Amino acid sequence: MGKAFDIMEELVDKFGVRDTMLMLSDVISAKADHIAGNWQDEGLARQWVKAGQVVRKAVRELPKGPGIK
């Protein structure tokens, strides 16, 4: 699937699905802050904030158990 897929797979293998998704949410939130502060594009920043919220919600909905860490 390509290099990006391999990188994501490595992250999931190393940190688990939950922590990888939480890190992604943090990156998305940082992008939202950067856009709001540097581009002054509040509409685009809100879209990034919403994307981060969606990822965090997905993390809360992950099944609990030893198979998904």
PDB file of N, CA and C in Angstrom:
ATOM      1  N   MET A   1       0.817  -1.204   0.000  1.00  0.00           N
ATOM      2  CA  MET A   1       0.000   0.000   0.000  1.00  0.00           C
ATOM      3  C   MET A   1       0.853   1.256   0.000  1.00  0.00           C
ATOM      4  N   GLY A   2       2.096   1.089   0.246  1.00  0.00           N
ATOM      5  CA  GLY A   2       2.943   2.262   0.164  1.00  0.00           C
ATOM      6  C   GLY A   2       3.586   2.622   1.488  1.00  0.00           C
ATOM      7  N   LYS A   3       4.447   3.600   1.407  1.00  0.00           N
ATOM      8  CA  LYS A   3       5.250   4.015   2.556  1.00  0.00           C
ATOM      9  C   LYS A   3       4.392   4.563   3.698  1.00  0.00           C
ATOM     10  N   ALA A   4       3.385   5.373   3.378  1.00  0.00           N
ATOM     11  CA  ALA A   4       2.536   5.945   4.430  1.00  0.00           C
ATOM     12  C   ALA A   4       1.830   4.838   5.213  1.00  0.00           C
ATOM     13  N   PHE A   5       1.346   3.835   4.504  1.00  0.00           N
ATOM     14  CA  PHE A   5       0.693   2.705   5.162  1.00  0.00           C
ATOM     15  C   PHE A   5       1.670   1.999   6.093  1.00  0.00           C
ATOM     16  N   ASP A   6       2.874   1.757   5.599  1.00  0.00           N
ATOM     17  CA  ASP A   6       3.887   1.077   6.410  1.00  0.00           C
ATOM     18  C   ASP A   6       4.212   1.865   7.672  1.00  0.00           C
ATOM     19  N   ILE A   7       4.292   3.183   7.558  1.00  0.00           N
ATOM     20  CA  ILE A   7       4.566   4.029   8.725  1.00  0.00           C
ATOM     21  C   ILE A   7       3.431   3.919   9.736  1.00  0.00           C
ATOM     22  N   MET A   8       2.191   3.994   9.239  1.00  0.00           N
ATOM     23  CA  MET A   8       1.040   3.888  10.154  1.00  0.00           C
ATOM     24  C   MET A   8       1.015   2.516  10.834  1.00  0.00           C
ATOM     25  N   GLU A   9       1.304   1.470  10.079  1.00  0.00           N
ATOM     26  CA  GLU A   9       1.326   0.128  10.655  1.00  0.00           C
ATOM     27  C   GLU A   9       2.389   0.016  11.749  1.00  0.00           C
ATOM     28  N   GLU A  10       3.546   0.608  11.515  1.00  0.00           N
ATOM     29  CA  GLU A  10       4.603   0.601  12.526  1.00  0.00           C
ATOM     30  C   GLU A  10       4.153   1.316  13.803  1.00  0.00           C
ATOM     31  N   LEU A  11       3.468   2.454  13.640  1.00  0.00           N
ATOM     32  CA  LEU A  11       2.980   3.194  14.808  1.00  0.00           C
ATOM     33  C   LEU A  11       1.969   2.359  15.593  1.00  0.00           C
ATOM     34  N   VAL A  12       1.043   1.726  14.887  1.00  0.00           N
ATOM     35  CA  VAL A  12       0.041   0.898  15.559  1.00  0.00           C
ATOM     36  C   VAL A  12       0.717  -0.275  16.261  1.00  0.00           C
ATOM     37  N   ASP A  13       1.694  -0.905  15.600  1.00  0.00           N
ATOM     38  CA  ASP A  13       2.409  -2.020  16.225  1.00  0.00           C
ATOM     39  C   ASP A  13       3.149  -1.569  17.476  1.00  0.00           C
ATOM     40  N   LYS A  14       3.745  -0.385  17.419  1.00  0.00           N
ATOM     41  CA  LYS A  14       4.561   0.092  18.540  1.00  0.00           C
ATOM     42  C   LYS A  14       3.723   0.643  19.690  1.00  0.00           C
ATOM     43  N   PHE A  15       2.677   1.414  19.364  1.00  0.00           N
ATOM     44  CA  PHE A  15       1.933   2.133  20.398  1.00  0.00           C
ATOM     45  C   PHE A  15       0.513   1.606  20.628  1.00  0.00           C
ATOM     46  N   GLY A  16       0.009   0.826  19.706  1.00  0.00           N
ATOM     47  CA  GLY A  16      -1.368   0.347  19.812  1.00  0.00           C
ATOM     48  C   GLY A  16      -2.325   1.295  19.086  1.00  0.00           C
ATOM     49  N   VAL A  17      -3.504   0.786  18.813  1.00  0.00           N
ATOM     50  CA  VAL A  17      -4.504   1.562  18.075  1.00  0.00           C
ATOM     51  C   VAL A  17      -4.915   2.800  18.857  1.00  0.00           C
ATOM     52  N   ARG A  18      -5.247   2.613  20.123  1.00  0.00           N
ATOM     53  CA  ARG A  18      -5.761   3.712  20.944  1.00  0.00           C
ATOM     54  C   ARG A  18      -4.767   4.868  21.020  1.00  0.00           C
ATOM     55  N   ASP A  19      -3.528   4.562  21.393  1.00  0.00           N
ATOM     56  CA  ASP A  19      -2.529   5.632  21.548  1.00  0.00           C
ATOM     57  C   ASP A  19      -2.169   6.283  20.210  1.00  0.00           C
ATOM     58  N   THR A  20      -2.148   5.495  19.144  1.00  0.00           N
ATOM     59  CA  THR A  20      -1.872   6.068  17.829  1.00  0.00           C
ATOM     60  C   THR A  20      -2.973   7.045  17.445  1.00  0.00           C
ATOM     61  N   MET A  21      -4.214   6.671  17.703  1.00  0.00           N
ATOM     62  CA  MET A  21      -5.327   7.566  17.381  1.00  0.00           C
ATOM     63  C   MET A  21      -5.314   8.808  18.268  1.00  0.00           C
ATOM     64  N   LEU A  22      -4.936   8.653  19.533  1.00  0.00           N
ATOM     65  CA  LEU A  22      -4.843   9.816  20.416  1.00  0.00           C
ATOM     66  C   LEU A  22      -3.740  10.770  19.947  1.00  0.00           C
ATOM     67  N   MET A  23      -2.621  10.198  19.509  1.00  0.00           N
ATOM     68  CA  MET A  23      -1.549  11.044  18.971  1.00  0.00           C
ATOM     69  C   MET A  23      -2.027  11.771  17.716  1.00  0.00           C
ATOM     70  N   LEU A  24      -2.761  11.074  16.863  1.00  0.00           N
ATOM     71  CA  LEU A  24      -3.298  11.702  15.661  1.00  0.00           C
ATOM     72  C   LEU A  24      -4.223  12.853  16.029  1.00  0.00           C
ATOM     73  N   SER A  25      -5.056  12.638  17.028  1.00  0.00           N
ATOM     74  CA  SER A  25      -5.951  13.697  17.488  1.00  0.00           C
ATOM     75  C   SER A  25      -5.156  14.904  17.980  1.00  0.00           C
ATOM     76  N   ASP A  26      -4.065  14.667  18.685  1.00  0.00           N
ATOM     77  CA  ASP A  26      -3.215  15.761  19.164  1.00  0.00           C
ATOM     78  C   ASP A  26      -2.579  16.525  18.001  1.00  0.00           C
ATOM     79  N   VAL A  27      -2.140  15.793  16.976  1.00  0.00           N
ATOM     80  CA  VAL A  27      -1.561  16.437  15.791  1.00  0.00           C
ATOM     81  C   VAL A  27      -2.609  17.303  15.100  1.00  0.00           C
ATOM     82  N   ILE A  28      -3.810  16.766  14.972  1.00  0.00           N
ATOM     83  CA  ILE A  28      -4.897  17.512  14.332  1.00  0.00           C
ATOM     84  C   ILE A  28      -5.208  18.783  15.117  1.00  0.00           C
ATOM     85  N   SER A  29      -5.254  18.682  16.431  1.00  0.00           N
ATOM     86  CA  SER A  29      -5.521  19.856  17.267  1.00  0.00           C
ATOM     87  C   SER A  29      -4.418  20.901  17.126  1.00  0.00           C
ATOM     88  N   ALA A  30      -3.177  20.437  17.060  1.00  0.00           N
ATOM     89  CA  ALA A  30      -2.059  21.365  16.875  1.00  0.00           C
ATOM     90  C   ALA A  30      -2.171  22.070  15.520  1.00  0.00           C
ATOM     91  N   LYS A  31      -2.595  21.331  14.497  1.00  0.00           N
ATOM     92  CA  LYS A  31      -2.804  21.949  13.181  1.00  0.00           C
ATOM     93  C   LYS A  31      -3.886  23.016  13.264  1.00  0.00           C
ATOM     94  N   ALA A  32      -4.963  22.735  13.999  1.00  0.00           N
ATOM     95  CA  ALA A  32      -6.041  23.712  14.155  1.00  0.00           C
ATOM     96  C   ALA A  32      -5.516  24.982  14.809  1.00  0.00           C
ATOM     97  N   ASP A  33      -4.713  24.824  15.864  1.00  0.00           N
ATOM     98  CA  ASP A  33      -4.133  25.984  16.544  1.00  0.00           C
ATOM     99  C   ASP A  33      -3.215  26.769  15.604  1.00  0.00           C
ATOM    100  N   HIS A  34      -2.416  26.046  14.836  1.00  0.00           N
ATOM    101  CA  HIS A  34      -1.502  26.701  13.899  1.00  0.00           C
ATOM    102  C   HIS A  34      -2.277  27.499  12.847  1.00  0.00           C
ATOM    103  N   ILE A  35      -3.318  26.905  12.317  1.00  0.00           N
ATOM    104  CA  ILE A  35      -4.128  27.585  11.298  1.00  0.00           C
ATOM    105  C   ILE A  35      -4.776  28.836  11.883  1.00  0.00           C
ATOM    106  N   ALA A  36      -5.353  28.684  13.074  1.00  0.00           N
ATOM    107  CA  ALA A  36      -6.020  29.829  13.707  1.00  0.00           C
ATOM    108  C   ALA A  36      -5.030  30.951  14.014  1.00  0.00           C
ATOM    109  N   GLY A  37      -3.848  30.588  14.482  1.00  0.00           N
ATOM    110  CA  GLY A  37      -2.872  31.594  14.892  1.00  0.00           C
ATOM    111  C   GLY A  37      -2.073  32.212  13.763  1.00  0.00           C
ATOM    112  N   ASN A  38      -1.818  31.443  12.717  1.00  0.00           N
ATOM    113  CA  ASN A  38      -0.933  31.916  11.662  1.00  0.00           C
ATOM    114  C   ASN A  38      -1.647  32.302  10.372  1.00  0.00           C
ATOM    115  N   TRP A  39      -2.743  31.639  10.103  1.00  0.00           N
ATOM    116  CA  TRP A  39      -3.468  31.940   8.877  1.00  0.00           C
ATOM    117  C   TRP A  39      -4.690  32.802   9.140  1.00  0.00           C
ATOM    118  N   GLN A  40      -5.076  32.895  10.408  1.00  0.00           N
ATOM    119  CA  GLN A  40      -6.284  33.637  10.794  1.00  0.00           C
ATOM    120  C   GLN A  40      -7.504  33.172   9.989  1.00  0.00           C
ATOM    121  N   ASP A  41      -7.563  31.869   9.717  1.00  0.00           N
ATOM    122  CA  ASP A  41      -8.687  31.283   8.983  1.00  0.00           C
ATOM    123  C   ASP A  41      -9.505  30.458   9.975  1.00  0.00           C
ATOM    124  N   GLU A  42     -10.423  31.137  10.661  1.00  0.00           N
ATOM    125  CA  GLU A  42     -11.196  30.486  11.721  1.00  0.00           C
ATOM    126  C   GLU A  42     -12.088  29.365  11.184  1.00  0.00           C
ATOM    127  N   GLY A  43     -12.604  29.534   9.974  1.00  0.00           N
ATOM    128  CA  GLY A  43     -13.446  28.489   9.393  1.00  0.00           C
ATOM    129  C   GLY A  43     -12.672  27.198   9.182  1.00  0.00           C
ATOM    130  N   LEU A  44     -11.484  27.307   8.607  1.00  0.00           N
ATOM    131  CA  LEU A  44     -10.646  26.136   8.393  1.00  0.00           C
ATOM    132  C   LEU A  44     -10.178  25.552   9.725  1.00  0.00           C
ATOM    133  N   ALA A  45      -9.835  26.415  10.665  1.00  0.00           N
ATOM    134  CA  ALA A  45      -9.410  25.946  11.987  1.00  0.00           C
ATOM    135  C   ALA A  45     -10.532  25.158  12.661  1.00  0.00           C
ATOM    136  N   ARG A  46     -11.775  25.631  12.535  1.00  0.00           N
ATOM    137  CA  ARG A  46     -12.915  24.904  13.121  1.00  0.00           C
ATOM    138  C   ARG A  46     -13.071  23.528  12.495  1.00  0.00           C
ATOM    139  N   GLN A  47     -12.810  23.415  11.192  1.00  0.00           N
ATOM    140  CA  GLN A  47     -12.888  22.111  10.534  1.00  0.00           C
ATOM    141  C   GLN A  47     -11.854  21.151  11.113  1.00  0.00           C
ATOM    142  N   TRP A  48     -10.659  21.649  11.368  1.00  0.00           N
ATOM    143  CA  TRP A  48      -9.609  20.820  11.961  1.00  0.00           C
ATOM    144  C   TRP A  48      -9.963  20.440  13.399  1.00  0.00           C
ATOM    145  N   VAL A  49     -10.536  21.383  14.140  1.00  0.00           N
ATOM    146  CA  VAL A  49     -10.977  21.084  15.509  1.00  0.00           C
ATOM    147  C   VAL A  49     -12.009  19.968  15.479  1.00  0.00           C
ATOM    148  N   LYS A  50     -12.969  20.076  14.586  1.00  0.00           N
ATOM    149  CA  LYS A  50     -14.013  19.056  14.459  1.00  0.00           C
ATOM    150  C   LYS A  50     -13.402  17.707  14.104  1.00  0.00           C
ATOM    151  N   ALA A  51     -12.433  17.694  13.199  1.00  0.00           N
ATOM    152  CA  ALA A  51     -11.770  16.442  12.829  1.00  0.00           C
ATOM    153  C   ALA A  51     -11.098  15.810  14.053  1.00  0.00           C
ATOM    154  N   GLY A  52     -10.443  16.617  14.866  1.00  0.00           N
ATOM    155  CA  GLY A  52      -9.822  16.102  16.085  1.00  0.00           C
ATOM    156  C   GLY A  52     -10.844  15.526  17.047  1.00  0.00           C
ATOM    157  N   GLN A  53     -11.989  16.188  17.152  1.00  0.00           N
ATOM    158  CA  GLN A  53     -13.056  15.696  18.017  1.00  0.00           C
ATOM    159  C   GLN A  53     -13.602  14.359  17.525  1.00  0.00           C
ATOM    160  N   VAL A  54     -13.736  14.219  16.228  1.00  0.00           N
ATOM    161  CA  VAL A  54     -14.241  12.972  15.650  1.00  0.00           C
ATOM    162  C   VAL A  54     -13.280  11.821  15.956  1.00  0.00           C
ATOM    163  N   VAL A  55     -11.984  12.075  15.831  1.00  0.00           N
ATOM    164  CA  VAL A  55     -10.996  11.027  16.123  1.00  0.00           C
ATOM    165  C   VAL A  55     -11.057  10.657  17.604  1.00  0.00           C
ATOM    166  N   ARG A  56     -11.144  11.653  18.491  1.00  0.00           N
ATOM    167  CA  ARG A  56     -11.229  11.360  19.931  1.00  0.00           C
ATOM    168  C   ARG A  56     -12.485  10.557  20.258  1.00  0.00           C
ATOM    169  N   LYS A  57     -13.591  10.899  19.621  1.00  0.00           N
ATOM    170  CA  LYS A  57     -14.834  10.143  19.846  1.00  0.00           C
ATOM    171  C   LYS A  57     -14.662   8.695  19.389  1.00  0.00           C
ATOM    172  N   ALA A  58     -14.008   8.499  18.266  1.00  0.00           N
ATOM    173  CA  ALA A  58     -13.759   7.150  17.768  1.00  0.00           C
ATOM    174  C   ALA A  58     -12.907   6.353  18.757  1.00  0.00           C
ATOM    175  N   VAL A  59     -11.946   7.009  19.391  1.00  0.00           N
ATOM    176  CA  VAL A  59     -11.110   6.330  20.394  1.00  0.00           C
ATOM    177  C   VAL A  59     -11.976   5.840  21.543  1.00  0.00           C
ATOM    178  N   ARG A  60     -12.916   6.661  21.989  1.00  0.00           N
ATOM    179  CA  ARG A  60     -13.795   6.259  23.101  1.00  0.00           C
ATOM    180  C   ARG A  60     -14.674   5.079  22.721  1.00  0.00           C
ATOM    181  N   GLU A  61     -14.929   4.894  21.443  1.00  0.00           N
ATOM    182  CA  GLU A  61     -15.806   3.819  20.988  1.00  0.00           C
ATOM    183  C   GLU A  61     -15.053   2.536  20.639  1.00  0.00           C
ATOM    184  N   LEU A  62     -13.727   2.550  20.743  1.00  0.00           N
ATOM    185  CA  LEU A  62     -12.961   1.340  20.471  1.00  0.00           C
ATOM    186  C   LEU A  62     -13.343   0.256  21.480  1.00  0.00           C
ATOM    187  N   PRO A  63     -13.365  -0.999  21.030  1.00  0.00           N
ATOM    188  CA  PRO A  63     -13.648  -2.075  21.978  1.00  0.00           C
ATOM    189  C   PRO A  63     -12.551  -2.172  23.021  1.00  0.00           C
ATOM    190  N   LYS A  64     -12.926  -2.535  24.223  1.00  0.00           N
ATOM    191  CA  LYS A  64     -11.959  -2.715  25.293  1.00  0.00           C
ATOM    192  C   LYS A  64     -11.510  -4.173  25.290  1.00  0.00           C
ATOM    193  N   GLY A  65     -10.290  -4.413  25.666  1.00  0.00           N
ATOM    194  CA  GLY A  65      -9.802  -5.772  25.752  1.00  0.00           C
ATOM    195  C   GLY A  65      -8.349  -5.858  25.355  1.00  0.00           C
ATOM    196  N   PRO A  66      -7.771  -7.033  25.554  1.00  0.00           N
ATOM    197  CA  PRO A  66      -6.336  -7.203  25.310  1.00  0.00           C
ATOM    198  C   PRO A  66      -5.946  -7.123  23.835  1.00  0.00           C
ATOM    199  N   GLY A  67      -6.881  -7.361  22.926  1.00  0.00           N
ATOM    200  CA  GLY A  67      -6.559  -7.347  21.509  1.00  0.00           C
ATOM    201  C   GLY A  67      -6.352  -5.952  20.956  1.00  0.00           C
ATOM    202  N   ILE A  68      -7.004  -4.963  21.552  1.00  0.00           N
ATOM    203  CA  ILE A  68      -6.883  -3.567  21.117  1.00  0.00           C
ATOM    204  C   ILE A  68      -6.300  -2.789  22.275  1.00  0.00           C
ATOM    205  N   LYS A  69      -5.052  -2.363  22.126  1.00  0.00           N
ATOM    206  CA  LYS A  69      -4.468  -1.595  23.217  1.00  0.00           C
ATOM    207  C   LYS A  69      -4.357  -0.151  22.847  1.00  0.00           C
TER     208      LYS A  69
END
